[in-house]
Structure formats: structure tokens, C-alpha cells
């Protein structure tokens, strides 16, 4: 997910209809686990929330972290409760928003 920027050429070029559309790509993902811990998640919950919230399915996230898929899903329920979200897509939006705010704290 990147930001979309629309730039319109200076006034003298408006007649020709020049419009430049650019999409910002390659913005690095920030590690939000410290921020997540501040919000009440344990270190393990924060790690799983970061991985799943960045778009990785629970099965793959569990494999990456080294836990069973069933345990990952149990932890996700706790994460959803603590963060007051009710789905993986809501978690992804929450993580994205936290990550975008994090860029102001570097």
C-alpha cells in the first residue's frame, strides 16, 4: 500500500491537460512490535500481530514464528480483543495506521 500523489502542471500547461500521477512504492515496513507492546500486547502477541497485520495469513505467520496454526489463531483472538478489532483485515488497517504514525517518531 502506498500513497498516491497527483501533480498538476503549472498554469501555462493546463490547456494541454498534462497531469502526472505517481504512486509512491517501496516504503519500508516499520517494526511496530514495540508500539504494540505499549498498547498492551505481550511480546509474542505483538510479533504475531505485526506479521498477520502486514498481510501474512495465520498459517504462514505461525510457520514463520514457529508455533502451531491453532495456537496462532488462539493468540489472534486475544489480540483482537485487546486491540478492539474483529477481523484480520481490521488488524491490517490498524497495523498500517500504527506504522504510518511510526515514521514520525524516527
PDB file of N, CA and C in Angstrom:
ATOM      1  N   UNK A   1       0.842  -1.174   0.000  1.00  0.00           N
ATOM      2  CA  UNK A   1       0.000   0.000   0.000  1.00  0.00           C
ATOM      3  C   UNK A   1       0.887   1.237   0.000  1.00  0.00           C
ATOM      4  N   UNK A   2       0.683   2.073  -0.944  1.00  0.00           N
ATOM      5  CA  UNK A   2       1.465   3.291  -0.987  1.00  0.00           C
ATOM      6  C   UNK A   2       0.559   4.481  -1.191  1.00  0.00           C
ATOM      7  N   UNK A   3       1.109   5.631  -0.990  1.00  0.00           N
ATOM      8  CA  UNK A   3       0.342   6.857  -1.169  1.00  0.00           C
ATOM      9  C   UNK A   3       0.296   7.202  -2.651  1.00  0.00           C
ATOM     10  N   UNK A   4      -0.780   7.791  -3.073  1.00  0.00           N
ATOM     11  CA  UNK A   4      -0.912   8.222  -4.453  1.00  0.00           C
ATOM     12  C   UNK A   4      -0.838   9.733  -4.477  1.00  0.00           C
ATOM     13  N   UNK A   5       0.015  10.248  -5.343  1.00  0.00           N
ATOM     14  CA  UNK A   5       0.198  11.680  -5.453  1.00  0.00           C
ATOM     15  C   UNK A   5      -0.273  12.136  -6.823  1.00  0.00           C
ATOM     16  N   UNK A   6      -0.965  13.231  -6.864  1.00  0.00           N
ATOM     17  CA  UNK A   6      -1.421  13.799  -8.130  1.00  0.00           C
ATOM     18  C   UNK A   6      -0.787  15.175  -8.253  1.00  0.00           C
ATOM     19  N   UNK A   7      -0.053  15.375  -9.326  1.00  0.00           N
ATOM     20  CA  UNK A   7       0.593  16.658  -9.561  1.00  0.00           C
ATOM     21  C   UNK A   7       0.058  17.237 -10.861  1.00  0.00           C
ATOM     22  N   UNK A   8      -0.409  18.454 -10.801  1.00  0.00           N
ATOM     23  CA  UNK A   8      -0.903  19.127 -11.993  1.00  0.00           C
ATOM     24  C   UNK A   8       0.168  20.113 -12.421  1.00  0.00           C
ATOM     25  N   UNK A   9       0.441  20.142 -13.696  1.00  0.00           N
ATOM     26  CA  UNK A   9       1.469  21.033 -14.241  1.00  0.00           C
ATOM     27  C   UNK A   9       1.105  22.493 -13.984  1.00  0.00           C
ATOM     28  N   UNK A  10       2.099  23.380 -14.044  1.00  0.00           N
ATOM     29  CA  UNK A  10       1.831  24.811 -13.833  1.00  0.00           C
ATOM     30  C   UNK A  10       0.751  25.328 -14.776  1.00  0.00           C
ATOM     31  N   UNK A  11       0.182  26.437 -14.398  1.00  0.00           N
ATOM     32  CA  UNK A  11      -0.962  27.018 -15.092  1.00  0.00           C
ATOM     33  C   UNK A  11      -0.782  27.124 -16.606  1.00  0.00           C
ATOM     34  N   UNK A  12       0.391  27.487 -17.089  1.00  0.00           N
ATOM     35  CA  UNK A  12       0.569  27.653 -18.534  1.00  0.00           C
ATOM     36  C   UNK A  12       0.400  26.322 -19.283  1.00  0.00           C
ATOM     37  N   UNK A  13       0.500  25.211 -18.607  1.00  0.00           N
ATOM     38  CA  UNK A  13       0.366  23.915 -19.262  1.00  0.00           C
ATOM     39  C   UNK A  13      -1.034  23.317 -19.117  1.00  0.00           C
ATOM     40  N   UNK A  14      -1.921  23.980 -18.412  1.00  0.00           N
ATOM     41  CA  UNK A  14      -3.247  23.429 -18.164  1.00  0.00           C
ATOM     42  C   UNK A  14      -4.032  23.183 -19.456  1.00  0.00           C
ATOM     43  N   UNK A  15      -3.817  23.981 -20.432  1.00  0.00           N
ATOM     44  CA  UNK A  15      -4.563  23.801 -21.679  1.00  0.00           C
ATOM     45  C   UNK A  15      -4.242  22.480 -22.354  1.00  0.00           C
ATOM     46  N   UNK A  16      -3.028  22.031 -22.211  1.00  0.00           N
ATOM     47  CA  UNK A  16      -2.659  20.765 -22.848  1.00  0.00           C
ATOM     48  C   UNK A  16      -3.107  19.570 -22.014  1.00  0.00           C
ATOM     49  N   UNK A  17      -3.559  19.810 -20.791  1.00  0.00           N
ATOM     50  CA  UNK A  17      -4.099  18.733 -19.967  1.00  0.00           C
ATOM     51  C   UNK A  17      -3.047  17.804 -19.387  1.00  0.00           C
ATOM     52  N   UNK A  18      -1.864  18.312 -19.099  1.00  0.00           N
ATOM     53  CA  UNK A  18      -0.812  17.465 -18.532  1.00  0.00           C
ATOM     54  C   UNK A  18      -1.098  17.225 -17.054  1.00  0.00           C
ATOM     55  N   UNK A  19      -1.179  15.965 -16.714  1.00  0.00           N
ATOM     56  CA  UNK A  19      -1.352  15.573 -15.316  1.00  0.00           C
ATOM     57  C   UNK A  19      -0.392  14.417 -15.061  1.00  0.00           C
ATOM     58  N   UNK A  20       0.354  14.515 -13.995  1.00  0.00           N
ATOM     59  CA  UNK A  20       1.290  13.460 -13.630  1.00  0.00           C
ATOM     60  C   UNK A  20       0.737  12.716 -12.441  1.00  0.00           C
ATOM     61  N   UNK A  21       0.582  11.416 -12.586  1.00  0.00           N
ATOM     62  CA  UNK A  21       0.145  10.567 -11.488  1.00  0.00           C
ATOM     63  C   UNK A  21       1.322   9.692 -11.089  1.00  0.00           C
ATOM     64  N   UNK A  22       1.629   9.686  -9.825  1.00  0.00           N
ATOM     65  CA  UNK A  22       2.742   8.867  -9.339  1.00  0.00           C
ATOM     66  C   UNK A  22       2.313   8.134  -8.084  1.00  0.00           C
ATOM     67  N   UNK A  23       2.758   6.913  -7.971  1.00  0.00           N
ATOM     68  CA  UNK A  23       2.458   6.128  -6.791  1.00  0.00           C
ATOM     69  C   UNK A  23       3.760   5.856  -6.059  1.00  0.00           C
ATOM     70  N   UNK A  24       3.787   6.210  -4.805  1.00  0.00           N
ATOM     71  CA  UNK A  24       4.981   6.003  -4.006  1.00  0.00           C
ATOM     72  C   UNK A  24       5.089   4.518  -3.684  1.00  0.00           C
ATOM     73  N   UNK A  25       6.165   3.898  -4.108  1.00  0.00           N
ATOM     74  CA  UNK A  25       6.378   2.477  -3.890  1.00  0.00           C
ATOM     75  C   UNK A  25       7.605   2.260  -3.029  1.00  0.00           C
ATOM     76  N   UNK A  26       7.686   1.086  -2.452  1.00  0.00           N
ATOM     77  CA  UNK A  26       8.887   0.696  -1.749  1.00  0.00           C
ATOM     78  C   UNK A  26       9.057   1.308  -0.372  1.00  0.00           C
ATOM     79  N   UNK A  27       7.987   1.837   0.205  1.00  0.00           N
ATOM     80  CA  UNK A  27       8.094   2.371   1.549  1.00  0.00           C
ATOM     81  C   UNK A  27       8.337   1.211   2.507  1.00  0.00           C
ATOM     82  N   UNK A  28       9.440   1.235   3.255  1.00  0.00           N
ATOM     83  CA  UNK A  28       9.754   0.092   4.114  1.00  0.00           C
ATOM     84  C   UNK A  28       8.731  -0.062   5.230  1.00  0.00           C
ATOM     85  N   UNK A  29       8.432  -1.330   5.555  1.00  0.00           N
ATOM     86  CA  UNK A  29       7.545  -1.595   6.668  1.00  0.00           C
ATOM     87  C   UNK A  29       8.300  -1.362   7.961  1.00  0.00           C
ATOM     88  N   UNK A  30       7.668  -0.715   8.888  1.00  0.00           N
ATOM     89  CA  UNK A  30       8.290  -0.450  10.170  1.00  0.00           C
ATOM     90  C   UNK A  30       7.954  -1.570  11.138  1.00  0.00           C
ATOM     91  N   UNK A  31       8.885  -1.857  12.043  1.00  0.00           N
ATOM     92  CA  UNK A  31       8.621  -2.823  13.101  1.00  0.00           C
ATOM     93  C   UNK A  31       7.767  -2.114  14.144  1.00  0.00           C
ATOM     94  N   UNK A  32       6.533  -2.534  14.268  1.00  0.00           N
ATOM     95  CA  UNK A  32       5.613  -1.878  15.183  1.00  0.00           C
ATOM     96  C   UNK A  32       5.430  -2.666  16.478  1.00  0.00           C
ATOM     97  N   UNK A  33       6.236  -3.701  16.690  1.00  0.00           N
ATOM     98  CA  UNK A  33       6.025  -4.552  17.858  1.00  0.00           C
ATOM     99  C   UNK A  33       6.207  -3.792  19.174  1.00  0.00           C
ATOM    100  N   UNK A  34       7.146  -2.842  19.227  1.00  0.00           N
ATOM    101  CA  UNK A  34       7.314  -2.065  20.463  1.00  0.00           C
ATOM    102  C   UNK A  34       6.090  -1.208  20.747  1.00  0.00           C
ATOM    103  N   UNK A  35       5.544  -0.612  19.698  1.00  0.00           N
ATOM    104  CA  UNK A  35       4.338   0.200  19.869  1.00  0.00           C
ATOM    105  C   UNK A  35       3.182  -0.690  20.301  1.00  0.00           C
ATOM    106  N   UNK A  36       3.100  -1.883  19.721  1.00  0.00           N
ATOM    107  CA  UNK A  36       2.022  -2.810  20.054  1.00  0.00           C
ATOM    108  C   UNK A  36       2.113  -3.244  21.520  1.00  0.00           C
ATOM    109  N   UNK A  37       3.335  -3.429  22.025  1.00  0.00           N
ATOM    110  CA  UNK A  37       3.506  -3.798  23.428  1.00  0.00           C
ATOM    111  C   UNK A  37       3.038  -2.663  24.334  1.00  0.00           C
ATOM    112  N   UNK A  38       3.277  -1.444  23.907  1.00  0.00           N
ATOM    113  CA  UNK A  38       2.815  -0.283  24.671  1.00  0.00           C
ATOM    114  C   UNK A  38       1.293  -0.265  24.749  1.00  0.00           C
ATOM    115  N   UNK A  39       0.644  -0.823  23.728  1.00  0.00           N
ATOM    116  CA  UNK A  39      -0.819  -0.876  23.690  1.00  0.00           C
ATOM    117  C   UNK A  39      -1.392  -2.062  24.463  1.00  0.00           C
ATOM    118  N   UNK A  40      -0.516  -2.832  25.124  1.00  0.00           N
ATOM    119  CA  UNK A  40      -0.996  -3.906  25.989  1.00  0.00           C
ATOM    120  C   UNK A  40      -0.777  -5.317  25.491  1.00  0.00           C
ATOM    121  N   UNK A  41      -0.151  -5.479  24.336  1.00  0.00           N
ATOM    122  CA  UNK A  41       0.119  -6.825  23.844  1.00  0.00           C
ATOM    123  C   UNK A  41       1.416  -7.354  24.450  1.00  0.00           C
ATOM    124  N   UNK A  42       1.473  -8.680  24.619  1.00  0.00           N
ATOM    125  CA  UNK A  42       2.725  -9.294  25.029  1.00  0.00           C
ATOM    126  C   UNK A  42       3.682  -9.266  23.844  1.00  0.00           C
ATOM    127  N   UNK A  43       4.938  -9.586  24.086  1.00  0.00           N
ATOM    128  CA  UNK A  43       5.925  -9.603  23.003  1.00  0.00           C
ATOM    129  C   UNK A  43       5.510 -10.588  21.904  1.00  0.00           C
ATOM    130  N   UNK A  44       5.038 -11.753  22.304  1.00  0.00           N
ATOM    131  CA  UNK A  44       4.600 -12.771  21.331  1.00  0.00           C
ATOM    132  C   UNK A  44       3.377 -12.308  20.550  1.00  0.00           C
ATOM    133  N   UNK A  45       2.419 -11.713  21.251  1.00  0.00           N
ATOM    134  CA  UNK A  45       1.224 -11.196  20.576  1.00  0.00           C
ATOM    135  C   UNK A  45       1.591 -10.084  19.602  1.00  0.00           C
ATOM    136  N   UNK A  46       2.495  -9.210  20.025  1.00  0.00           N
ATOM    137  CA  UNK A  46       2.916  -8.092  19.166  1.00  0.00           C
ATOM    138  C   UNK A  46       3.592  -8.606  17.903  1.00  0.00           C
ATOM    139  N   UNK A  47       4.420  -9.637  18.050  1.00  0.00           N
ATOM    140  CA  UNK A  47       5.107 -10.205  16.885  1.00  0.00           C
ATOM    141  C   UNK A  47       4.100 -10.812  15.921  1.00  0.00           C
ATOM    142  N   UNK A  48       3.154 -11.603  16.451  1.00  0.00           N
ATOM    143  CA  UNK A  48       2.141 -12.220  15.594  1.00  0.00           C
ATOM    144  C   UNK A  48       1.250 -11.156  14.959  1.00  0.00           C
ATOM    145  N   UNK A  49       0.852 -10.152  15.725  1.00  0.00           N
ATOM    146  CA  UNK A  49       0.012  -9.079  15.185  1.00  0.00           C
ATOM    147  C   UNK A  49       0.721  -8.361  14.046  1.00  0.00           C
ATOM    148  N   UNK A  50       2.019  -8.124  14.199  1.00  0.00           N
ATOM    149  CA  UNK A  50       2.781  -7.444  13.147  1.00  0.00           C
ATOM    150  C   UNK A  50       2.834  -8.266  11.872  1.00  0.00           C
ATOM    151  N   UNK A  51       3.044  -9.575  12.022  1.00  0.00           N
ATOM    152  CA  UNK A  51       3.151 -10.439  10.839  1.00  0.00           C
ATOM    153  C   UNK A  51       1.795 -10.595  10.154  1.00  0.00           C
ATOM    154  N   UNK A  52       0.765 -10.919  10.924  1.00  0.00           N
ATOM    155  CA  UNK A  52      -0.570 -11.099  10.346  1.00  0.00           C
ATOM    156  C   UNK A  52      -1.103  -9.756   9.839  1.00  0.00           C
ATOM    157  N   UNK A  53      -0.845  -8.703  10.575  1.00  0.00           N
ATOM    158  CA  UNK A  53      -1.313  -7.381  10.188  1.00  0.00           C
ATOM    159  C   UNK A  53      -0.665  -6.850   8.927  1.00  0.00           C
ATOM    160  N   UNK A  54       0.495  -7.403   8.576  1.00  0.00           N
ATOM    161  CA  UNK A  54       1.143  -6.973   7.338  1.00  0.00           C
ATOM    162  C   UNK A  54       0.672  -7.801   6.139  1.00  0.00           C
ATOM    163  N   UNK A  55      -0.320  -8.674   6.372  1.00  0.00           N
ATOM    164  CA  UNK A  55      -0.938  -9.394   5.265  1.00  0.00           C
ATOM    165  C   UNK A  55      -0.633 -10.881   5.192  1.00  0.00           C
ATOM    166  N   UNK A  56       0.162 -11.382   6.089  1.00  0.00           N
ATOM    167  CA  UNK A  56       0.515 -12.803   6.086  1.00  0.00           C
ATOM    168  C   UNK A  56      -0.624 -13.609   6.720  1.00  0.00           C
ATOM    169  N   UNK A  57      -1.090 -14.674   6.056  1.00  0.00           N
ATOM    170  CA  UNK A  57      -2.166 -15.481   6.641  1.00  0.00           C
ATOM    171  C   UNK A  57      -1.696 -16.158   7.932  1.00  0.00           C
ATOM    172  N   UNK A  58      -2.618 -16.450   8.852  1.00  0.00           N
ATOM    173  CA  UNK A  58      -2.241 -17.061  10.127  1.00  0.00           C
ATOM    174  C   UNK A  58      -1.407 -18.337   9.991  1.00  0.00           C
ATOM    175  N   UNK A  59      -1.728 -19.161   9.011  1.00  0.00           N
ATOM    176  CA  UNK A  59      -0.976 -20.409   8.833  1.00  0.00           C
ATOM    177  C   UNK A  59       0.501 -20.115   8.527  1.00  0.00           C
ATOM    178  N   UNK A  60       0.743 -19.203   7.601  1.00  0.00           N
ATOM    179  CA  UNK A  60       2.114 -18.834   7.232  1.00  0.00           C
ATOM    180  C   UNK A  60       2.801 -18.094   8.377  1.00  0.00           C
ATOM    181  N   UNK A  61       2.064 -17.211   9.058  1.00  0.00           N
ATOM    182  CA  UNK A  61       2.628 -16.471  10.195  1.00  0.00           C
ATOM    183  C   UNK A  61       3.064 -17.442  11.288  1.00  0.00           C
ATOM    184  N   UNK A  62       2.238 -18.433  11.562  1.00  0.00           N
ATOM    185  CA  UNK A  62       2.575 -19.430  12.577  1.00  0.00           C
ATOM    186  C   UNK A  62       3.848 -20.177  12.193  1.00  0.00           C
ATOM    187  N   UNK A  63       3.942 -20.531  10.927  1.00  0.00           N
ATOM    188  CA  UNK A  63       5.136 -21.223  10.421  1.00  0.00           C
ATOM    189  C   UNK A  63       6.378 -20.338  10.578  1.00  0.00           C
ATOM    190  N   UNK A  64       6.267 -19.062  10.232  1.00  0.00           N
ATOM    191  CA  UNK A  64       7.397 -18.142  10.342  1.00  0.00           C
ATOM    192  C   UNK A  64       7.845 -17.951  11.784  1.00  0.00           C
ATOM    193  N   UNK A  65       6.875 -17.884  12.686  1.00  0.00           N
ATOM    194  CA  UNK A  65       7.180 -17.636  14.093  1.00  0.00           C
ATOM    195  C   UNK A  65       7.585 -18.915  14.823  1.00  0.00           C
ATOM    196  N   UNK A  66       7.128 -20.056  14.308  1.00  0.00           N
ATOM    197  CA  UNK A  66       7.485 -21.332  14.921  1.00  0.00           C
ATOM    198  C   UNK A  66       6.467 -21.835  15.929  1.00  0.00           C
ATOM    199  N   UNK A  67       5.183 -21.541  15.662  1.00  0.00           N
ATOM    200  CA  UNK A  67       4.107 -22.035  16.526  1.00  0.00           C
ATOM    201  C   UNK A  67       3.083 -22.739  15.647  1.00  0.00           C
ATOM    202  N   UNK A  68       2.154 -23.463  16.286  1.00  0.00           N
ATOM    203  CA  UNK A  68       1.127 -24.144  15.501  1.00  0.00           C
ATOM    204  C   UNK A  68       0.095 -23.134  15.009  1.00  0.00           C
ATOM    205  N   UNK A  69      -0.574 -23.508  13.925  1.00  0.00           N
ATOM    206  CA  UNK A  69      -1.605 -22.628  13.383  1.00  0.00           C
ATOM    207  C   UNK A  69      -2.730 -22.428  14.394  1.00  0.00           C
ATOM    208  N   UNK A  70      -3.102 -23.499  15.089  1.00  0.00           N
ATOM    209  CA  UNK A  70      -4.180 -23.396  16.082  1.00  0.00           C
ATOM    210  C   UNK A  70      -3.801 -22.446  17.211  1.00  0.00           C
ATOM    211  N   UNK A  71      -2.552 -22.511  17.666  1.00  0.00           N
ATOM    212  CA  UNK A  71      -2.101 -21.610  18.719  1.00  0.00           C
ATOM    213  C   UNK A  71      -2.083 -20.161  18.208  1.00  0.00           C
ATOM    214  N   UNK A  72      -1.677 -19.976  16.960  1.00  0.00           N
ATOM    215  CA  UNK A  72      -1.676 -18.633  16.368  1.00  0.00           C
ATOM    216  C   UNK A  72      -3.090 -18.070  16.343  1.00  0.00           C
ATOM    217  N   UNK A  73      -4.051 -18.899  15.990  1.00  0.00           N
ATOM    218  CA  UNK A  73      -5.444 -18.433  15.938  1.00  0.00           C
ATOM    219  C   UNK A  73      -5.967 -18.102  17.342  1.00  0.00           C
ATOM    220  N   UNK A  74      -5.534 -18.866  18.348  1.00  0.00           N
ATOM    221  CA  UNK A  74      -5.910 -18.572  19.736  1.00  0.00           C
ATOM    222  C   UNK A  74      -5.328 -17.227  20.172  1.00  0.00           C
ATOM    223  N   UNK A  75      -4.064 -17.005  19.839  1.00  0.00           N
ATOM    224  CA  UNK A  75      -3.412 -15.730  20.176  1.00  0.00           C
ATOM    225  C   UNK A  75      -4.099 -14.583  19.437  1.00  0.00           C
ATOM    226  N   UNK A  76      -4.480 -14.803  18.179  1.00  0.00           N
ATOM    227  CA  UNK A  76      -5.163 -13.765  17.401  1.00  0.00           C
ATOM    228  C   UNK A  76      -6.460 -13.317  18.073  1.00  0.00           C
ATOM    229  N   UNK A  77      -7.180 -14.261  18.661  1.00  0.00           N
ATOM    230  CA  UNK A  77      -8.411 -13.896  19.367  1.00  0.00           C
ATOM    231  C   UNK A  77      -8.107 -12.927  20.509  1.00  0.00           C
ATOM    232  N   UNK A  78      -7.021 -13.201  21.238  1.00  0.00           N
ATOM    233  CA  UNK A  78      -6.613 -12.307  22.327  1.00  0.00           C
ATOM    234  C   UNK A  78      -6.200 -10.934  21.785  1.00  0.00           C
ATOM    235  N   UNK A  79      -5.482 -10.947  20.669  1.00  0.00           N
ATOM    236  CA  UNK A  79      -5.043  -9.692  20.035  1.00  0.00           C
ATOM    237  C   UNK A  79      -6.257  -8.875  19.605  1.00  0.00           C
ATOM    238  N   UNK A  80      -7.215  -9.533  18.962  1.00  0.00           N
ATOM    239  CA  UNK A  80      -8.429  -8.843  18.511  1.00  0.00           C
ATOM    240  C   UNK A  80      -9.132  -8.198  19.703  1.00  0.00           C
ATOM    241  N   UNK A  81      -9.236  -8.930  20.799  1.00  0.00           N
ATOM    242  CA  UNK A  81      -9.906  -8.409  21.991  1.00  0.00           C
ATOM    243  C   UNK A  81      -9.158  -7.197  22.547  1.00  0.00           C
ATOM    244  N   UNK A  82      -7.849  -7.329  22.689  1.00  0.00           N
ATOM    245  CA  UNK A  82      -7.052  -6.250  23.281  1.00  0.00           C
ATOM    246  C   UNK A  82      -7.029  -4.989  22.422  1.00  0.00           C
ATOM    247  N   UNK A  83      -7.044  -5.158  21.107  1.00  0.00           N
ATOM    248  CA  UNK A  83      -6.984  -4.005  20.202  1.00  0.00           C
ATOM    249  C   UNK A  83      -8.364  -3.547  19.731  1.00  0.00           C
ATOM    250  N   UNK A  84      -9.390  -4.268  20.165  1.00  0.00           N
ATOM    251  CA  UNK A  84     -10.768  -3.954  19.799  1.00  0.00           C
ATOM    252  C   UNK A  84     -10.957  -3.963  18.282  1.00  0.00           C
ATOM    253  N   UNK A  85     -10.429  -4.996  17.652  1.00  0.00           N
ATOM    254  CA  UNK A  85     -10.668  -5.248  16.230  1.00  0.00           C
ATOM    255  C   UNK A  85     -11.357  -6.596  16.117  1.00  0.00           C
ATOM    256  N   UNK A  86     -12.016  -6.856  15.000  1.00  0.00           N
ATOM    257  CA  UNK A  86     -12.771  -8.102  14.897  1.00  0.00           C
ATOM    258  C   UNK A  86     -12.442  -8.933  13.664  1.00  0.00           C
ATOM    259  N   UNK A  87     -11.373  -8.581  12.963  1.00  0.00           N
ATOM    260  CA  UNK A  87     -11.006  -9.359  11.788  1.00  0.00           C
ATOM    261  C   UNK A  87      -9.548  -9.101  11.422  1.00  0.00           C
ATOM    262  N   UNK A  88      -9.015  -9.977  10.599  1.00  0.00           N
ATOM    263  CA  UNK A  88      -7.634  -9.798  10.132  1.00  0.00           C
ATOM    264  C   UNK A  88      -7.505  -8.536   9.294  1.00  0.00           C
ATOM    265  N   UNK A  89      -8.527  -8.220   8.513  1.00  0.00           N
ATOM    266  CA  UNK A  89      -8.442  -7.009   7.696  1.00  0.00           C
ATOM    267  C   UNK A  89      -8.432  -5.761   8.571  1.00  0.00           C
ATOM    268  N   UNK A  90      -9.207  -5.758   9.647  1.00  0.00           N
ATOM    269  CA  UNK A  90      -9.178  -4.624  10.580  1.00  0.00           C
ATOM    270  C   UNK A  90      -7.824  -4.531  11.275  1.00  0.00           C
ATOM    271  N   UNK A  91      -7.240  -5.694  11.605  1.00  0.00           N
ATOM    272  CA  UNK A  91      -5.907  -5.709  12.209  1.00  0.00           C
ATOM    273  C   UNK A  91      -4.894  -5.123  11.232  1.00  0.00           C
ATOM    274  N   UNK A  92      -5.013  -5.482   9.957  1.00  0.00           N
ATOM    275  CA  UNK A  92      -4.096  -4.956   8.939  1.00  0.00           C
ATOM    276  C   UNK A  92      -4.198  -3.440   8.836  1.00  0.00           C
ATOM    277  N   UNK A  93      -5.411  -2.900   8.876  1.00  0.00           N
ATOM    278  CA  UNK A  93      -5.602  -1.451   8.831  1.00  0.00           C
ATOM    279  C   UNK A  93      -4.992  -0.807  10.079  1.00  0.00           C
ATOM    280  N   UNK A  94      -5.215  -1.425  11.226  1.00  0.00           N
ATOM    281  CA  UNK A  94      -4.671  -0.921  12.486  1.00  0.00           C
ATOM    282  C   UNK A  94      -3.142  -0.885  12.437  1.00  0.00           C
ATOM    283  N   UNK A  95      -2.532  -1.985  11.971  1.00  0.00           N
ATOM    284  CA  UNK A  95      -1.067  -2.065  11.870  1.00  0.00           C
ATOM    285  C   UNK A  95      -0.555  -1.028  10.880  1.00  0.00           C
ATOM    286  N   UNK A  96      -1.216  -0.894   9.738  1.00  0.00           N
ATOM    287  CA  UNK A  96      -0.806   0.097   8.736  1.00  0.00           C
ATOM    288  C   UNK A  96      -0.836   1.504   9.317  1.00  0.00           C
ATOM    289  N   UNK A  97      -1.914   1.804  10.056  1.00  0.00           N
ATOM    290  CA  UNK A  97      -2.020   3.131  10.652  1.00  0.00           C
ATOM    291  C   UNK A  97      -0.934   3.367  11.706  1.00  0.00           C
ATOM    292  N   UNK A  98      -0.657   2.369  12.517  1.00  0.00           N
ATOM    293  CA  UNK A  98       0.407   2.487  13.519  1.00  0.00           C
ATOM    294  C   UNK A  98       1.747   2.674  12.825  1.00  0.00           C
ATOM    295  N   UNK A  99       1.990   1.908  11.761  1.00  0.00           N
ATOM    296  CA  UNK A  99       3.257   2.015  11.035  1.00  0.00           C
ATOM    297  C   UNK A  99       3.413   3.388  10.391  1.00  0.00           C
ATOM    298  N   UNK A 100       2.313   3.931   9.857  1.00  0.00           N
ATOM    299  CA  UNK A 100       2.414   5.247   9.217  1.00  0.00           C
ATOM    300  C   UNK A 100       2.675   6.338  10.254  1.00  0.00           C
ATOM    301  N   UNK A 101       2.145   6.177  11.449  1.00  0.00           N
ATOM    302  CA  UNK A 101       2.454   7.129  12.519  1.00  0.00           C
ATOM    303  C   UNK A 101       3.879   6.961  13.008  1.00  0.00           C
ATOM    304  N   UNK A 102       4.366   5.733  12.975  1.00  0.00           N
ATOM    305  CA  UNK A 102       5.717   5.457  13.446  1.00  0.00           C
ATOM    306  C   UNK A 102       6.784   6.204  12.688  1.00  0.00           C
ATOM    307  N   UNK A 103       6.525   6.526  11.423  1.00  0.00           N
ATOM    308  CA  UNK A 103       7.535   7.225  10.629  1.00  0.00           C
ATOM    309  C   UNK A 103       7.798   8.630  11.172  1.00  0.00           C
ATOM    310  N   UNK A 104       6.899   9.161  11.989  1.00  0.00           N
ATOM    311  CA  UNK A 104       7.089  10.484  12.574  1.00  0.00           C
ATOM    312  C   UNK A 104       7.963  10.432  13.834  1.00  0.00           C
ATOM    313  N   UNK A 105       8.215   9.220  14.332  1.00  0.00           N
ATOM    314  CA  UNK A 105       8.943   9.083  15.585  1.00  0.00           C
ATOM    315  C   UNK A 105      10.366   8.624  15.393  1.00  0.00           C
ATOM    316  N   UNK A 106      10.846   8.583  14.168  1.00  0.00           N
ATOM    317  CA  UNK A 106      12.238   8.172  13.915  1.00  0.00           C
ATOM    318  C   UNK A 106      13.168   9.336  13.919  1.00  0.00           C
TER     319      UNK A 106
END
